[in-house]
Amino acid sequence: MIPIASGVRVWIATGHADMRRGMNSLALLVQEAFTRDPHGGDLYVFRDKSGKLIKILWHDGLGMSLYAKRLERDRFLWPSSADGVVTITPAQLGYLLEGIDWRMPQHT
């Protein structure tokens, strides 16, 4: 799991991204499409067209990291927004990575 410090924001890129992109071109996408600094410490999450693969771009202050996760069954639940980007909490990211509906988790 990614060690997420308090105050870090998680940005989801709505729609889908070309998963052939590496960390440099995803960082450029963050700069141009979201007008955000990819070196600021926030996490940026991208999904492929099928919905089974996501990539997370993160700069921890020392260097850039690119994480990938593919679901063998089902698909990642993804927001639909005309804005192009949605902010979620680190806890919601944990649900997303586990394949749980992060929009309405069930509390016990």
N, C-alpha and C. Protein backbone atom coordinates (compact mmCIF):
# COMPACT_ATOMS: atom_id res chain seq x y z
N MET A 1 0.84 -1.19 0.00
CA MET A 1 0.00 0.00 0.00
C MET A 1 0.88 1.24 0.00
N ILE A 2 0.40 2.28 -0.60
CA ILE A 2 1.12 3.55 -0.67
C ILE A 2 0.99 4.25 0.69
N PRO A 3 2.11 4.63 1.31
CA PRO A 3 2.02 5.34 2.59
C PRO A 3 1.58 6.79 2.37
N ILE A 4 0.30 7.04 2.58
CA ILE A 4 -0.27 8.36 2.30
C ILE A 4 -0.23 9.20 3.57
N ALA A 5 0.48 10.32 3.50
CA ALA A 5 0.56 11.23 4.64
C ALA A 5 -0.74 12.04 4.75
N SER A 6 -1.00 12.57 5.93
CA SER A 6 -2.19 13.40 6.10
C SER A 6 -2.02 14.67 5.27
N GLY A 7 -3.10 15.15 4.74
CA GLY A 7 -3.07 16.35 3.92
C GLY A 7 -2.85 16.09 2.44
N VAL A 8 -2.54 14.85 2.09
CA VAL A 8 -2.36 14.50 0.68
C VAL A 8 -3.72 14.33 0.03
N ARG A 9 -3.87 14.90 -1.15
CA ARG A 9 -5.13 14.78 -1.88
C ARG A 9 -5.00 13.72 -2.95
N VAL A 10 -6.10 13.04 -3.22
CA VAL A 10 -6.13 12.00 -4.24
C VAL A 10 -7.04 12.49 -5.35
N TRP A 11 -6.51 12.57 -6.56
CA TRP A 11 -7.24 13.06 -7.72
C TRP A 11 -7.50 11.91 -8.68
N ILE A 12 -8.77 11.72 -9.06
CA ILE A 12 -9.14 10.70 -10.03
C ILE A 12 -9.42 11.38 -11.36
N ALA A 13 -8.72 10.92 -12.38
CA ALA A 13 -8.97 11.41 -13.74
C ALA A 13 -10.17 10.65 -14.30
N THR A 14 -11.28 11.34 -14.49
CA THR A 14 -12.47 10.68 -15.02
C THR A 14 -12.23 10.31 -16.48
N GLY A 15 -13.03 9.41 -16.98
CA GLY A 15 -12.80 8.91 -18.33
C GLY A 15 -11.72 7.84 -18.29
N HIS A 16 -11.02 7.65 -19.40
CA HIS A 16 -9.96 6.66 -19.42
C HIS A 16 -8.70 7.24 -20.04
N ALA A 17 -7.58 6.65 -19.68
CA ALA A 17 -6.28 7.10 -20.17
C ALA A 17 -5.61 5.97 -20.94
N ASP A 18 -4.70 6.31 -21.79
CA ASP A 18 -3.90 5.34 -22.53
C ASP A 18 -2.91 4.71 -21.56
N MET A 19 -3.05 3.42 -21.29
CA MET A 19 -2.21 2.76 -20.30
C MET A 19 -0.80 2.46 -20.83
N ARG A 20 -0.52 2.82 -22.08
CA ARG A 20 0.85 2.72 -22.58
C ARG A 20 1.70 3.87 -22.06
N ARG A 21 1.04 4.87 -21.49
CA ARG A 21 1.76 6.03 -20.94
C ARG A 21 2.56 5.63 -19.72
N GLY A 22 3.75 6.21 -19.61
CA GLY A 22 4.59 6.01 -18.45
C GLY A 22 4.47 7.20 -17.51
N MET A 23 5.36 7.24 -16.52
CA MET A 23 5.24 8.29 -15.52
C MET A 23 5.49 9.68 -16.08
N ASN A 24 6.39 9.81 -17.05
CA ASN A 24 6.66 11.14 -17.60
C ASN A 24 5.47 11.69 -18.37
N SER A 25 4.86 10.87 -19.21
CA SER A 25 3.72 11.39 -19.98
C SER A 25 2.48 11.55 -19.12
N LEU A 26 2.31 10.74 -18.07
CA LEU A 26 1.20 10.96 -17.15
C LEU A 26 1.42 12.23 -16.33
N ALA A 27 2.66 12.51 -15.95
CA ALA A 27 2.97 13.75 -15.24
C ALA A 27 2.68 14.96 -16.13
N LEU A 28 2.99 14.84 -17.40
CA LEU A 28 2.69 15.91 -18.35
C LEU A 28 1.18 16.10 -18.48
N LEU A 29 0.43 14.99 -18.48
CA LEU A 29 -1.03 15.06 -18.53
C LEU A 29 -1.57 15.78 -17.29
N VAL A 30 -1.01 15.51 -16.14
CA VAL A 30 -1.42 16.20 -14.91
C VAL A 30 -1.20 17.70 -15.04
N GLN A 31 -0.05 18.08 -15.58
CA GLN A 31 0.27 19.49 -15.74
C GLN A 31 -0.65 20.17 -16.74
N GLU A 32 -0.85 19.56 -17.89
CA GLU A 32 -1.60 20.21 -18.96
C GLU A 32 -3.11 20.12 -18.79
N ALA A 33 -3.63 18.94 -18.48
CA ALA A 33 -5.08 18.76 -18.42
C ALA A 33 -5.67 19.23 -17.10
N PHE A 34 -4.94 19.02 -16.00
CA PHE A 34 -5.48 19.35 -14.68
C PHE A 34 -4.91 20.65 -14.13
N THR A 35 -3.92 21.19 -14.79
CA THR A 35 -3.18 22.38 -14.33
C THR A 35 -2.76 22.21 -12.86
N ARG A 36 -2.22 21.04 -12.54
CA ARG A 36 -1.72 20.71 -11.20
C ARG A 36 -0.24 20.40 -11.31
N ASP A 37 0.47 20.49 -10.20
CA ASP A 37 1.88 20.15 -10.15
C ASP A 37 2.04 18.68 -9.77
N PRO A 38 2.52 17.83 -10.68
CA PRO A 38 2.66 16.41 -10.35
C PRO A 38 3.75 16.14 -9.30
N HIS A 39 4.56 17.13 -8.99
CA HIS A 39 5.61 16.97 -7.99
C HIS A 39 5.19 17.50 -6.62
N GLY A 40 3.92 17.83 -6.46
CA GLY A 40 3.42 18.42 -5.23
C GLY A 40 3.10 17.44 -4.12
N GLY A 41 3.18 16.14 -4.37
CA GLY A 41 2.92 15.15 -3.33
C GLY A 41 1.54 14.54 -3.37
N ASP A 42 0.65 15.04 -4.21
CA ASP A 42 -0.68 14.45 -4.34
C ASP A 42 -0.61 13.19 -5.20
N LEU A 43 -1.65 12.36 -5.11
CA LEU A 43 -1.75 11.15 -5.92
C LEU A 43 -2.72 11.38 -7.06
N TYR A 44 -2.39 10.86 -8.23
CA TYR A 44 -3.23 10.99 -9.42
C TYR A 44 -3.53 9.59 -9.94
N VAL A 45 -4.82 9.29 -10.07
CA VAL A 45 -5.26 7.95 -10.43
C VAL A 45 -5.88 7.97 -11.82
N PHE A 46 -5.43 7.03 -12.67
CA PHE A 46 -5.91 6.92 -14.05
C PHE A 46 -6.42 5.50 -14.28
N ARG A 47 -7.44 5.37 -15.13
CA ARG A 47 -8.04 4.06 -15.43
C ARG A 47 -7.97 3.80 -16.92
N ASP A 48 -7.84 2.52 -17.28
CA ASP A 48 -7.86 2.16 -18.70
C ASP A 48 -9.28 2.07 -19.22
N LYS A 49 -9.41 1.84 -20.50
CA LYS A 49 -10.73 1.83 -21.15
C LYS A 49 -11.62 0.69 -20.65
N SER A 50 -11.03 -0.47 -20.37
CA SER A 50 -11.84 -1.62 -19.93
C SER A 50 -12.26 -1.50 -18.47
N GLY A 51 -11.58 -0.67 -17.70
CA GLY A 51 -11.93 -0.49 -16.29
C GLY A 51 -11.28 -1.51 -15.37
N LYS A 52 -10.39 -2.35 -15.88
CA LYS A 52 -9.75 -3.37 -15.07
C LYS A 52 -8.36 -2.99 -14.57
N LEU A 53 -7.78 -1.93 -15.13
CA LEU A 53 -6.42 -1.52 -14.78
C LEU A 53 -6.41 -0.05 -14.38
N ILE A 54 -5.71 0.24 -13.28
CA ILE A 54 -5.50 1.63 -12.90
C ILE A 54 -4.00 1.85 -12.70
N LYS A 55 -3.59 3.11 -12.86
CA LYS A 55 -2.23 3.53 -12.56
C LYS A 55 -2.33 4.73 -11.63
N ILE A 56 -1.41 4.76 -10.66
CA ILE A 56 -1.36 5.85 -9.70
C ILE A 56 0.00 6.51 -9.80
N LEU A 57 0.00 7.80 -10.02
CA LEU A 57 1.22 8.59 -10.11
C LEU A 57 1.40 9.36 -8.81
N TRP A 58 2.61 9.30 -8.25
CA TRP A 58 2.85 9.93 -6.95
C TRP A 58 4.30 10.37 -6.85
N HIS A 59 4.51 11.58 -6.37
CA HIS A 59 5.85 12.08 -6.09
C HIS A 59 5.95 12.25 -4.58
N ASP A 60 6.90 11.54 -3.96
CA ASP A 60 7.01 11.54 -2.49
C ASP A 60 7.99 12.57 -1.95
N GLY A 61 8.47 13.45 -2.79
CA GLY A 61 9.44 14.45 -2.36
C GLY A 61 10.86 14.06 -2.75
N LEU A 62 11.08 12.76 -2.98
CA LEU A 62 12.39 12.27 -3.40
C LEU A 62 12.39 11.85 -4.86
N GLY A 63 11.27 11.32 -5.31
CA GLY A 63 11.19 10.84 -6.68
C GLY A 63 9.77 10.48 -7.06
N MET A 64 9.58 10.26 -8.35
CA MET A 64 8.26 9.92 -8.89
C MET A 64 8.08 8.40 -8.87
N SER A 65 6.88 7.96 -8.50
CA SER A 65 6.53 6.53 -8.50
C SER A 65 5.30 6.33 -9.34
N LEU A 66 5.22 5.17 -9.97
CA LEU A 66 4.06 4.80 -10.76
C LEU A 66 3.63 3.41 -10.31
N TYR A 67 2.42 3.33 -9.76
CA TYR A 67 1.86 2.08 -9.29
C TYR A 67 0.78 1.63 -10.26
N ALA A 68 0.66 0.32 -10.43
CA ALA A 68 -0.39 -0.23 -11.29
C ALA A 68 -1.10 -1.35 -10.55
N LYS A 69 -2.40 -1.47 -10.79
CA LYS A 69 -3.17 -2.58 -10.23
C LYS A 69 -4.20 -3.00 -11.26
N ARG A 70 -4.29 -4.31 -11.46
CA ARG A 70 -5.27 -4.88 -12.39
C ARG A 70 -6.17 -5.84 -11.63
N LEU A 71 -7.47 -5.70 -11.84
CA LEU A 71 -8.43 -6.62 -11.25
C LEU A 71 -8.63 -7.79 -12.19
N GLU A 72 -8.61 -8.98 -11.64
CA GLU A 72 -8.83 -10.18 -12.45
C GLU A 72 -10.32 -10.36 -12.77
N ARG A 73 -11.16 -9.98 -11.82
CA ARG A 73 -12.61 -10.03 -12.03
C ARG A 73 -13.16 -8.64 -11.75
N ASP A 74 -14.30 -8.36 -12.31
CA ASP A 74 -14.98 -7.07 -12.10
C ASP A 74 -14.19 -5.91 -12.69
N ARG A 75 -14.65 -4.71 -12.36
CA ARG A 75 -14.04 -3.48 -12.83
C ARG A 75 -13.97 -2.48 -11.68
N PHE A 76 -13.05 -1.54 -11.80
CA PHE A 76 -12.97 -0.47 -10.82
C PHE A 76 -14.17 0.45 -11.00
N LEU A 77 -14.79 0.85 -9.88
CA LEU A 77 -15.90 1.81 -9.94
C LEU A 77 -15.31 3.19 -10.16
N TRP A 78 -15.85 3.87 -11.16
CA TRP A 78 -15.25 5.13 -11.60
C TRP A 78 -16.28 6.24 -11.66
N PRO A 79 -15.92 7.44 -11.27
CA PRO A 79 -16.87 8.55 -11.34
C PRO A 79 -17.06 9.03 -12.78
N SER A 80 -18.20 9.62 -13.00
CA SER A 80 -18.43 10.28 -14.29
C SER A 80 -18.58 11.76 -13.99
N SER A 81 -17.77 12.56 -14.65
CA SER A 81 -17.80 13.99 -14.39
C SER A 81 -17.38 14.74 -15.64
N ALA A 82 -18.04 15.83 -15.89
CA ALA A 82 -17.67 16.66 -17.02
C ALA A 82 -16.42 17.47 -16.70
N ASP A 83 -16.08 17.55 -15.43
CA ASP A 83 -14.93 18.34 -14.99
C ASP A 83 -13.60 17.71 -15.41
N GLY A 84 -13.56 16.40 -15.49
CA GLY A 84 -12.34 15.73 -15.88
C GLY A 84 -11.51 15.22 -14.72
N VAL A 85 -11.80 15.68 -13.51
CA VAL A 85 -11.06 15.23 -12.34
C VAL A 85 -11.96 15.29 -11.11
N VAL A 86 -11.82 14.30 -10.23
CA VAL A 86 -12.60 14.23 -9.00
C VAL A 86 -11.63 14.00 -7.85
N THR A 87 -11.86 14.66 -6.73
CA THR A 87 -11.02 14.48 -5.54
C THR A 87 -11.71 13.50 -4.60
N ILE A 88 -10.92 12.54 -4.08
CA ILE A 88 -11.43 11.60 -3.09
C ILE A 88 -10.47 11.59 -1.90
N THR A 89 -10.88 10.97 -0.81
CA THR A 89 -10.04 10.88 0.37
C THR A 89 -9.10 9.67 0.25
N PRO A 90 -8.02 9.66 1.02
CA PRO A 90 -7.16 8.48 1.02
C PRO A 90 -7.90 7.21 1.44
N ALA A 91 -8.87 7.33 2.34
CA ALA A 91 -9.66 6.16 2.75
C ALA A 91 -10.48 5.63 1.57
N GLN A 92 -11.07 6.54 0.79
CA GLN A 92 -11.82 6.12 -0.39
C GLN A 92 -10.90 5.45 -1.41
N LEU A 93 -9.66 5.92 -1.53
CA LEU A 93 -8.70 5.27 -2.42
C LEU A 93 -8.46 3.83 -1.97
N GLY A 94 -8.37 3.61 -0.68
CA GLY A 94 -8.20 2.25 -0.15
C GLY A 94 -9.35 1.35 -0.58
N TYR A 95 -10.58 1.86 -0.48
CA TYR A 95 -11.74 1.10 -0.93
C TYR A 95 -11.67 0.83 -2.43
N LEU A 96 -11.31 1.85 -3.19
CA LEU A 96 -11.21 1.72 -4.64
C LEU A 96 -10.22 0.62 -5.01
N LEU A 97 -9.06 0.60 -4.36
CA LEU A 97 -8.04 -0.40 -4.66
C LEU A 97 -8.47 -1.81 -4.30
N GLU A 98 -9.38 -1.92 -3.34
CA GLU A 98 -9.90 -3.23 -2.94
C GLU A 98 -11.10 -3.67 -3.77
N GLY A 99 -11.56 -2.83 -4.68
CA GLY A 99 -12.71 -3.18 -5.51
C GLY A 99 -14.04 -2.94 -4.81
N ILE A 100 -14.02 -2.18 -3.72
CA ILE A 100 -15.23 -1.87 -2.94
C ILE A 100 -15.80 -0.55 -3.46
N ASP A 101 -17.11 -0.42 -3.42
CA ASP A 101 -17.75 0.82 -3.84
C ASP A 101 -17.33 1.93 -2.89
N TRP A 102 -16.40 2.76 -3.32
CA TRP A 102 -15.83 3.82 -2.49
C TRP A 102 -16.78 4.98 -2.31
N ARG A 103 -17.84 5.05 -3.14
CA ARG A 103 -18.77 6.17 -3.04
C ARG A 103 -19.70 6.04 -1.85
N MET A 104 -20.08 4.82 -1.49
CA MET A 104 -21.01 4.57 -0.37
C MET A 104 -20.57 3.32 0.38
N PRO A 105 -19.43 3.35 1.09
CA PRO A 105 -19.01 2.16 1.84
C PRO A 105 -19.97 1.90 3.00
N GLN A 106 -20.15 0.65 3.31
CA GLN A 106 -21.04 0.26 4.39
C GLN A 106 -20.27 0.21 5.70
N HIS A 107 -20.68 1.03 6.66
CA HIS A 107 -20.06 1.02 7.99
C HIS A 107 -20.75 -0.04 8.84
N THR A 108 -19.96 -0.72 9.66
CA THR A 108 -20.54 -1.75 10.51
C THR A 108 -20.58 -1.27 11.95
